[in-house]
C-alpha atoms as a PDB file:
ATOM      1  CA  MET A   1      60.837 -13.738  31.566  1.00  0.00           C
ATOM      2  CA  PHE A   2      57.334 -14.266  31.201  1.00  0.00           C
ATOM      3  CA  ASP A   3      56.694 -10.833  29.408  1.00  0.00           C
ATOM      4  CA  VAL A   4      59.885 -11.865  27.024  1.00  0.00           C
ATOM      5  CA  LEU A   5      58.028 -15.158  25.352  1.00  0.00           C
ATOM      6  CA  LYS A   6      54.864 -12.833  25.633  1.00  0.00           C
ATOM      7  CA  SER A   7      56.096 -10.683  23.197  1.00  0.00           C
ATOM      8  CA  LEU A   8      58.173 -13.265  21.217  1.00  0.00           C
ATOM      9  CA  ARG A   9      54.749 -15.199  20.794  1.00  0.00           C
ATOM     10  CA  MET A  10      52.963 -12.354  19.546  1.00  0.00           C
ATOM     11  CA  ILE A  11      55.908 -11.401  17.204  1.00  0.00           C
ATOM     12  CA  ALA A  12      55.135 -15.171  15.820  1.00  0.00           C
ATOM     13  CA  LEU A  13      51.516 -14.376  15.697  1.00  0.00           C
ATOM     14  CA  ALA A  14      51.677 -11.125  13.560  1.00  0.00           C
ATOM     15  CA  PRO A  15      51.670 -12.410   9.865  1.00  0.00           C
ATOM     16  CA  ALA A  16      49.075 -14.499  10.334  1.00  0.00           C
ATOM     17  CA  LEU A  17      47.116 -11.866  11.779  1.00  0.00           C
ATOM     18  CA  VAL A  18      48.248  -9.915   8.160  1.00  0.00           C
ATOM     19  CA  ILE A  19      46.889 -12.386   6.466  1.00  0.00           C
ATOM     20  CA  GLY A  20      44.050 -12.848   8.299  1.00  0.00           C
ATOM     21  CA  LEU A  21      43.073  -9.211   7.611  1.00  0.00           C
ATOM     22  CA  GLY A  22      43.946  -9.663   4.242  1.00  0.00           C
ATOM     23  CA  ALA A  23      41.276 -12.507   3.761  1.00  0.00           C
ATOM     24  CA  CYS A  24      38.619 -10.826   5.215  1.00  0.00           C
ATOM     25  CA  THR A  25      39.772  -7.316   3.458  1.00  0.00           C
ATOM     26  CA  ALA A  26      39.275  -9.735  -0.355  1.00  0.00           C
ATOM     27  CA  ASP A  27      36.047 -11.222   1.184  1.00  0.00           C
ATOM     28  CA  LEU A  28      34.067  -7.861   2.265  1.00  0.00           C
ATOM     29  CA  SER A  29      35.436  -6.020  -1.090  1.00  0.00           C
ATOM     30  CA  GLY A  30      33.385  -8.818  -2.715  1.00  0.00           C
ATOM     31  CA  LEU A  31      30.623  -8.328  -0.835  1.00  0.00           C
ATOM     32  CA  LEU A  32      30.375  -4.209  -1.153  1.00  0.00           C
ATOM     33  CA  SER A  33      30.756  -4.128  -4.918  1.00  0.00           C
ATOM     34  CA  GLY A  34      28.151  -3.800  -7.548  1.00  0.00           C
ATOM     35  CA  PRO A  35      26.194  -0.636  -8.044  1.00  0.00           C
ATOM     36  CA  PRO A  36      24.050   1.656  -5.119  1.00  0.00           C
ATOM     37  CA  PRO A  37      20.074   0.906  -5.329  1.00  0.00           C
ATOM     38  CA  ALA A  38      18.022   2.950  -7.231  1.00  0.00           C
ATOM     39  CA  VAL A  39      16.317   5.817  -4.343  1.00  0.00           C
ATOM     40  CA  TYR A  40      12.918   7.070  -5.337  1.00  0.00           C
ATOM     41  CA  GLN A  41      10.844  10.333  -4.149  1.00  0.00           C
ATOM     42  CA  LEU A  42       7.558  10.857  -3.832  1.00  0.00           C
ATOM     43  CA  ASP A  43       5.483  13.786  -4.758  1.00  0.00           C
ATOM     44  CA  ALA A  44       2.616  15.398  -2.335  1.00  0.00           C
ATOM     45  CA  PRO A  45      -0.267  16.988  -3.851  1.00  0.00           C
ATOM     46  CA  LYS A  46       0.310  20.108  -4.819  1.00  0.00           C
ATOM     47  CA  ALA A  47      -3.270  21.359  -6.170  1.00  0.00           C
ATOM     48  CA  ILE A  48      -6.412  20.266  -3.796  1.00  0.00           C
ATOM     49  CA  ASN A  49      -9.878  21.240  -5.154  1.00  0.00           C
ATOM     50  CA  ALA A  50     -11.247  22.910  -1.550  1.00  0.00           C
ATOM     51  CA  GLU A  51     -13.321  25.236  -3.116  1.00  0.00           C
ATOM     52  CA  GLY A  52     -16.318  26.059  -0.457  1.00  0.00           C
ATOM     53  CA  VAL A  53     -13.893  24.983   2.644  1.00  0.00           C
ATOM     54  CA  GLU A  54     -13.073  26.727   5.295  1.00  0.00           C
ATOM     55  CA  THR A  55      -9.551  27.892   6.215  1.00  0.00           C
ATOM     56  CA  LEU A  56      -8.807  27.140   9.888  1.00  0.00           C
ATOM     57  CA  ALA A  57      -6.790  28.973  12.383  1.00  0.00           C
ATOM     58  CA  GLU A  58      -5.891  25.750  14.343  1.00  0.00           C
ATOM     59  CA  GLN A  59      -2.445  24.210  13.913  1.00  0.00           C
ATOM     60  CA  LEU A  60      -2.152  20.703  13.267  1.00  0.00           C
ATOM     61  CA  SER A  61       0.455  18.088  14.257  1.00  0.00           C
ATOM     62  CA  ILE A  62       0.780  14.783  12.495  1.00  0.00           C
ATOM     63  CA  GLU A  63       2.279  11.820  14.318  1.00  0.00           C
ATOM     64  CA  GLU A  64       4.299   8.922  12.201  1.00  0.00           C
ATOM     65  CA  PRO A  65       1.829   6.058  11.403  1.00  0.00           C
ATOM     66  CA  LEU A  66       2.051   2.835  12.823  1.00  0.00           C
ATOM     67  CA  THR A  67       2.561  -0.162  10.309  1.00  0.00           C
ATOM     68  CA  ALA A  68       3.589  -3.790  10.405  1.00  0.00           C
ATOM     69  CA  LEU A  69       7.182  -4.781  10.079  1.00  0.00           C
ATOM     70  CA  SER A  70       6.702  -5.579   6.384  1.00  0.00           C
ATOM     71  CA  LEU A  71       6.014  -1.972   5.604  1.00  0.00           C
ATOM     72  CA  ASP A  72       8.552  -0.486   8.184  1.00  0.00           C
ATOM     73  CA  THR A  73      11.288  -0.188   6.111  1.00  0.00           C
ATOM     74  CA  GLU A  74      12.887   1.796   3.058  1.00  0.00           C
ATOM     75  CA  ARG A  75      12.397  -1.174   0.762  1.00  0.00           C
ATOM     76  CA  ILE A  76       9.556  -1.322  -2.152  1.00  0.00           C
ATOM     77  CA  ALA A  77       7.238  -4.265  -0.854  1.00  0.00           C
ATOM     78  CA  VAL A  78       6.265  -6.381  -3.605  1.00  0.00           C
ATOM     79  CA  ASN A  79       2.964  -8.486  -3.340  1.00  0.00           C
ATOM     80  CA  VAL A  80       3.236 -11.305  -5.199  1.00  0.00           C
ATOM     81  CA  GLY A  81       0.638 -13.514  -3.988  1.00  0.00           C
ATOM     82  CA  ASP A  82      -2.546 -13.527  -1.326  1.00  0.00           C
ATOM     83  CA  GLN A  83      -0.315 -13.988   1.300  1.00  0.00           C
ATOM     84  CA  GLU A  84       3.555 -13.002  -0.265  1.00  0.00           C
ATOM     85  CA  VAL A  85       5.325 -10.144   0.420  1.00  0.00           C
ATOM     86  CA  GLN A  86       8.712 -10.019  -1.254  1.00  0.00           C
ATOM     87  CA  TYR A  87      10.516  -6.324  -2.134  1.00  0.00           C
ATOM     88  CA  LEU A  88      12.131  -4.546  -5.350  1.00  0.00           C
ATOM     89  CA  ALA A  89      15.733  -5.494  -6.191  1.00  0.00           C
ATOM     90  CA  ALA A  90      17.824  -2.723  -6.305  1.00  0.00           C
ATOM     91  CA  SER A  91      15.499  -0.075  -5.493  1.00  0.00           C
ATOM     92  CA  ARG A  92      14.057   1.900  -2.286  1.00  0.00           C
ATOM     93  CA  TRP A  93      12.675   4.609  -1.064  1.00  0.00           C
ATOM     94  CA  GLU A  94      14.231   7.646  -0.054  1.00  0.00           C
ATOM     95  CA  ASP A  95      12.500   6.764   3.860  1.00  0.00           C
ATOM     96  CA  ARG A  96      10.724   4.307   5.691  1.00  0.00           C
ATOM     97  CA  ALA A  97       7.328   3.982   4.441  1.00  0.00           C
ATOM     98  CA  PRO A  98       5.747   5.688   7.453  1.00  0.00           C
ATOM     99  CA  ARG A  99       7.944   8.420   7.606  1.00  0.00           C
ATOM    100  CA  LEU A 100       7.515   8.951   4.126  1.00  0.00           C
ATOM    101  CA  LEU A 101       3.777   9.000   4.454  1.00  0.00           C
ATOM    102  CA  GLN A 102       4.097  11.581   7.818  1.00  0.00           C
ATOM    103  CA  GLN A 103       6.389  13.680   4.929  1.00  0.00           C
ATOM    104  CA  MET A 104       3.745  13.554   2.374  1.00  0.00           C
ATOM    105  CA  LEU A 105       1.058  13.981   4.915  1.00  0.00           C
ATOM    106  CA  VAL A 106       3.105  17.719   5.876  1.00  0.00           C
ATOM    107  CA  GLU A 107       3.817  18.783   2.651  1.00  0.00           C
ATOM    108  CA  GLY A 108       0.240  18.015   1.493  1.00  0.00           C
ATOM    109  CA  PHE A 109      -1.296  20.272   4.214  1.00  0.00           C
ATOM    110  CA  GLU A 110       1.557  23.064   3.961  1.00  0.00           C
ATOM    111  CA  ASN A 111       0.248  23.071   0.379  1.00  0.00           C
ATOM    112  CA  ALA A 112      -3.207  23.497   0.759  1.00  0.00           C
ATOM    113  CA  GLY A 113      -2.858  26.095   3.090  1.00  0.00           C
ATOM    114  CA  LEU A 114      -6.080  25.337   4.750  1.00  0.00           C
ATOM    115  CA  PHE A 115      -4.420  25.271   8.844  1.00  0.00           C
ATOM    116  CA  SER A 116      -2.361  28.111  10.447  1.00  0.00           C
ATOM    117  CA  GLY A 117       0.364  25.683  10.893  1.00  0.00           C
ATOM    118  CA  VAL A 118       1.510  22.041  10.130  1.00  0.00           C
ATOM    119  CA  ALA A 119       4.436  20.357  11.783  1.00  0.00           C
ATOM    120  CA  ARG A 120       5.545  16.722  12.458  1.00  0.00           C
ATOM    121  CA  LYS A 121       4.468  15.643  16.084  1.00  0.00           C
ATOM    122  CA  ALA A 122       8.392  15.425  16.961  1.00  0.00           C
ATOM    123  CA  VAL A 123       8.747  19.392  16.247  1.00  0.00           C
ATOM    124  CA  GLY A 124       6.825  19.945  19.138  1.00  0.00           C
ATOM    125  CA  LEU A 125       4.238  22.200  17.334  1.00  0.00           C
ATOM    126  CA  ARG A 126       1.666  23.432  20.340  1.00  0.00           C
ATOM    127  CA  ALA A 127      -1.275  21.844  18.282  1.00  0.00           C
ATOM    128  CA  ASP A 128      -4.976  22.242  18.505  1.00  0.00           C
ATOM    129  CA  TYR A 129      -5.494  18.982  17.105  1.00  0.00           C
ATOM    130  CA  VAL A 130      -3.001  16.023  16.104  1.00  0.00           C
ATOM    131  CA  LEU A 131      -3.545  13.126  13.364  1.00  0.00           C
ATOM    132  CA  TYR A 132      -2.504   9.831  14.385  1.00  0.00           C
ATOM    133  CA  GLY A 133      -2.078   6.761  11.867  1.00  0.00           C
ATOM    134  CA  GLU A 134      -1.898   3.405  10.796  1.00  0.00           C
ATOM    135  CA  LEU A 135      -0.338   3.107   7.613  1.00  0.00           C
ATOM    136  CA  ARG A 136      -1.659  -0.480   6.081  1.00  0.00           C
ATOM    137  CA  THR A 137      -1.352  -0.755   2.475  1.00  0.00           C
ATOM    138  CA  PHE A 138       1.922   0.461   0.669  1.00  0.00           C
ATOM    139  CA  ALA A 139       2.689  -2.002  -1.751  1.00  0.00           C
ATOM    140  CA  VAL A 140       2.923  -2.571  -5.470  1.00  0.00           C
ATOM    141  CA  ASP A 141       0.637  -6.199  -6.623  1.00  0.00           C
ATOM    142  CA  VAL A 142       2.744  -7.986  -9.596  1.00  0.00           C
ATOM    143  CA  ASP A 143       0.346 -11.166  -9.823  1.00  0.00           C
ATOM    144  CA  ASN A 144      -0.024 -12.744 -13.292  1.00  0.00           C
ATOM    145  CA  SER A 145      -3.789 -12.927 -12.987  1.00  0.00           C
ATOM    146  CA  SER A 146      -3.907  -8.756 -13.082  1.00  0.00           C
ATOM    147  CA  LYS A 147      -2.461  -5.799 -14.293  1.00  0.00           C
ATOM    148  CA  PRO A 148       0.435  -4.314 -12.259  1.00  0.00           C
ATOM    149  CA  ALA A 149      -0.910  -1.957  -9.886  1.00  0.00           C
ATOM    150  CA  ALA A 150       0.305   0.374  -6.901  1.00  0.00           C
ATOM    151  CA  ASN A 151      -1.771   0.312  -3.838  1.00  0.00           C
ATOM    152  CA  ILE A 152      -2.031   2.426  -0.784  1.00  0.00           C
ATOM    153  CA  ALA A 153      -4.059   2.356   2.945  1.00  0.00           C
ATOM    154  CA  PHE A 154      -4.232   4.107   5.952  1.00  0.00           C
ATOM    155  CA  THR A 155      -6.482   5.191   8.711  1.00  0.00           C
ATOM    156  CA  LEU A 156      -6.294   8.429  10.103  1.00  0.00           C
ATOM    157  CA  ASN A 157      -7.564   9.414  13.698  1.00  0.00           C
ATOM    158  CA  LEU A 158      -7.809  13.027  14.555  1.00  0.00           C
ATOM    159  CA  VAL A 159      -7.632  13.990  18.268  1.00  0.00           C
ATOM    160  CA  TRP A 160      -8.278  16.884  20.002  1.00  0.00           C
ATOM    161  CA  PRO A 161      -5.290  16.965  22.867  1.00  0.00           C
ATOM    162  CA  GLY A 162      -7.803  19.080  25.170  1.00  0.00           C
ATOM    163  CA  ASN A 163      -9.252  15.596  26.747  1.00  0.00           C
ATOM    164  CA  ALA A 164      -7.370  13.181  24.359  1.00  0.00           C
ATOM    165  CA  ARG A 165     -10.702  12.812  22.499  1.00  0.00           C
ATOM    166  CA  ILE A 166     -11.029  10.928  18.989  1.00  0.00           C
ATOM    167  CA  VAL A 167     -12.870  13.318  17.005  1.00  0.00           C
ATOM    168  CA  ALA A 168     -13.115  11.382  14.170  1.00  0.00           C
ATOM    169  CA  SER A 169     -11.370   8.273  12.137  1.00  0.00           C
ATOM    170  CA  LYS A 170     -11.483   7.129   8.317  1.00  0.00           C
ATOM    171  CA  THR A 171      -9.445   4.577   6.359  1.00  0.00           C
ATOM    172  CA  PHE A 172      -8.955   6.235   3.153  1.00  0.00           C
ATOM    173  CA  GLU A 173      -7.126   3.686  -0.119  1.00  0.00           C
ATOM    174  CA  ALA A 174      -6.382   4.410  -3.198  1.00  0.00           C
ATOM    175  CA  SER A 175      -5.068   2.365  -6.482  1.00  0.00           C
ATOM    176  CA  SER A 176      -3.347   3.336  -9.601  1.00  0.00           C
ATOM    177  CA  THR A 177      -2.378   0.851 -12.570  1.00  0.00           C
ATOM    178  CA  ALA A 178       1.624   0.992 -13.886  1.00  0.00           C
ATOM    179  CA  LYS A 179       2.386   0.772 -17.276  1.00  0.00           C
ATOM    180  CA  SER A 180       4.825  -2.314 -16.752  1.00  0.00           C
ATOM    181  CA  THR A 181       6.590  -4.123 -14.418  1.00  0.00           C
ATOM    182  CA  SER A 182       9.465  -1.893 -14.219  1.00  0.00           C
ATOM    183  CA  ALA A 183      10.751  -0.096 -11.175  1.00  0.00           C
ATOM    184  CA  LYS A 184      10.136   3.492 -12.684  1.00  0.00           C
ATOM    185  CA  ASP A 185       6.545   2.284 -13.821  1.00  0.00           C
ATOM    186  CA  LEU A 186       5.422   1.091 -10.394  1.00  0.00           C
ATOM    187  CA  VAL A 187       6.884   4.215  -8.397  1.00  0.00           C
ATOM    188  CA  ALA A 188       4.937   6.236 -10.810  1.00  0.00           C
ATOM    189  CA  ALA A 189       1.488   4.539  -9.917  1.00  0.00           C
ATOM    190  CA  MET A 190       2.562   4.433  -6.148  1.00  0.00           C
ATOM    191  CA  ASN A 191       2.887   8.355  -6.456  1.00  0.00           C
ATOM    192  CA  VAL A 192      -0.426   8.593  -8.627  1.00  0.00           C
ATOM    193  CA  ALA A 193      -1.911   6.466  -5.843  1.00  0.00           C
ATOM    194  CA  GLN A 194      -1.113   7.921  -2.803  1.00  0.00           C
ATOM    195  CA  GLN A 195      -1.799  11.521  -4.284  1.00  0.00           C
ATOM    196  CA  ASP A 196      -5.398  10.851  -4.486  1.00  0.00           C
ATOM    197  CA  ALA A 197      -5.428   9.382  -0.909  1.00  0.00           C
ATOM    198  CA  LEU A 198      -3.541  12.400   0.588  1.00  0.00           C
ATOM    199  CA  LYS A 199      -5.984  14.576  -1.184  1.00  0.00           C
ATOM    200  CA  GLN A 200      -9.120  12.834   0.298  1.00  0.00           C
ATOM    201  CA  ALA A 201      -7.178  12.405   3.833  1.00  0.00           C
ATOM    202  CA  ILE A 202      -6.849  16.713   3.535  1.00  0.00           C
ATOM    203  CA  LEU A 203      -9.842  17.352   2.889  1.00  0.00           C
ATOM    204  CA  TRP A 204     -11.324  15.052   5.122  1.00  0.00           C
ATOM    205  CA  THR A 205      -9.475  16.560   8.124  1.00  0.00           C
ATOM    206  CA  VAL A 206     -10.267  19.903   7.175  1.00  0.00           C
ATOM    207  CA  GLN A 207     -13.633  19.243   7.443  1.00  0.00           C
ATOM    208  CA  LYS A 208     -13.795  17.299  10.701  1.00  0.00           C
ATOM    209  CA  VAL A 209     -11.911  19.745  12.381  1.00  0.00           C
ATOM    210  CA  GLY A 210     -14.121  22.484  11.237  1.00  0.00           C
ATOM    211  CA  ALA A 211     -17.270  20.963  11.942  1.00  0.00           C
ATOM    212  CA  ASP A 212     -16.031  20.376  15.593  1.00  0.00           C
ATOM    213  CA  VAL A 213     -14.603  23.483  16.164  1.00  0.00           C
ATOM    214  CA  ALA A 214     -18.198  24.630  15.669  1.00  0.00           C
ATOM    215  CA  LEU A 215     -19.276  22.328  18.119  1.00  0.00           C
ATOM    216  CA  ARG A 216     -17.565  23.436  20.896  1.00  0.00           C
ATOM    217  CA  ARG A 217     -17.468  26.993  20.167  1.00  0.00           C
ATOM    218  CA  PRO A 218     -20.368  27.570  22.267  1.00  0.00           C
ATOM    219  CA  LEU A 219     -18.816  26.091  25.122  1.00  0.00           C
ATOM    220  CA  VAL A 220     -15.691  28.083  24.805  1.00  0.00           C
ATOM    221  CA  GLN A 221     -17.891  31.515  24.864  1.00  0.00           C
ATOM    222  CA  THR A 222     -20.217  30.655  27.693  1.00  0.00           C
ATOM    223  CA  GLY A 223     -17.056  29.638  29.628  1.00  0.00           C
ATOM    224  CA  ASN A 224     -17.795  26.048  30.367  1.00  0.00           C
END
């Protein structure tokens, strides 16, 4: 008897459930409508003036940089004041900002051809040196008191895995003025700024690794 009553109750509730589901579908269709956001890419530097820089036999691994929560996103950060960060509407990067920087570093080093091998840390490369970093600025500024500009700043720590020793550390910064506040022009400015900073970082890394290898070479030869 209880099963029969339970079945009758479910039949009675069925129209209400259908109506409820129909209402939810209508609401979701409104939320999901509209054009998708524009997805923007960056270009790693392809030409680097490495005249006089020795190509190294060492392999380099690059860790994904740490960053603040406000930058750990695919959204394009916009500084509108000294302490206010917003995000560009209907626009985003192709990946999270720290992972994008990691990708640009890997591609930049590969294009430069100054190491025998370069890869992301997650790939598991048996690296002779590892780059750890922190992304500090990756945003466009649209303050009314100045021209719109893109700014990037990141710190790199070059580590020798043999004893987890920090060989060298440095912060790289670059800025580029945008033609306008349109998403296309702001992204173009960021592309220029990040390429400038990456070129500095690549040459610095090669020089520091080369110097460290030269320092340790006598120790290796004597067996110490």
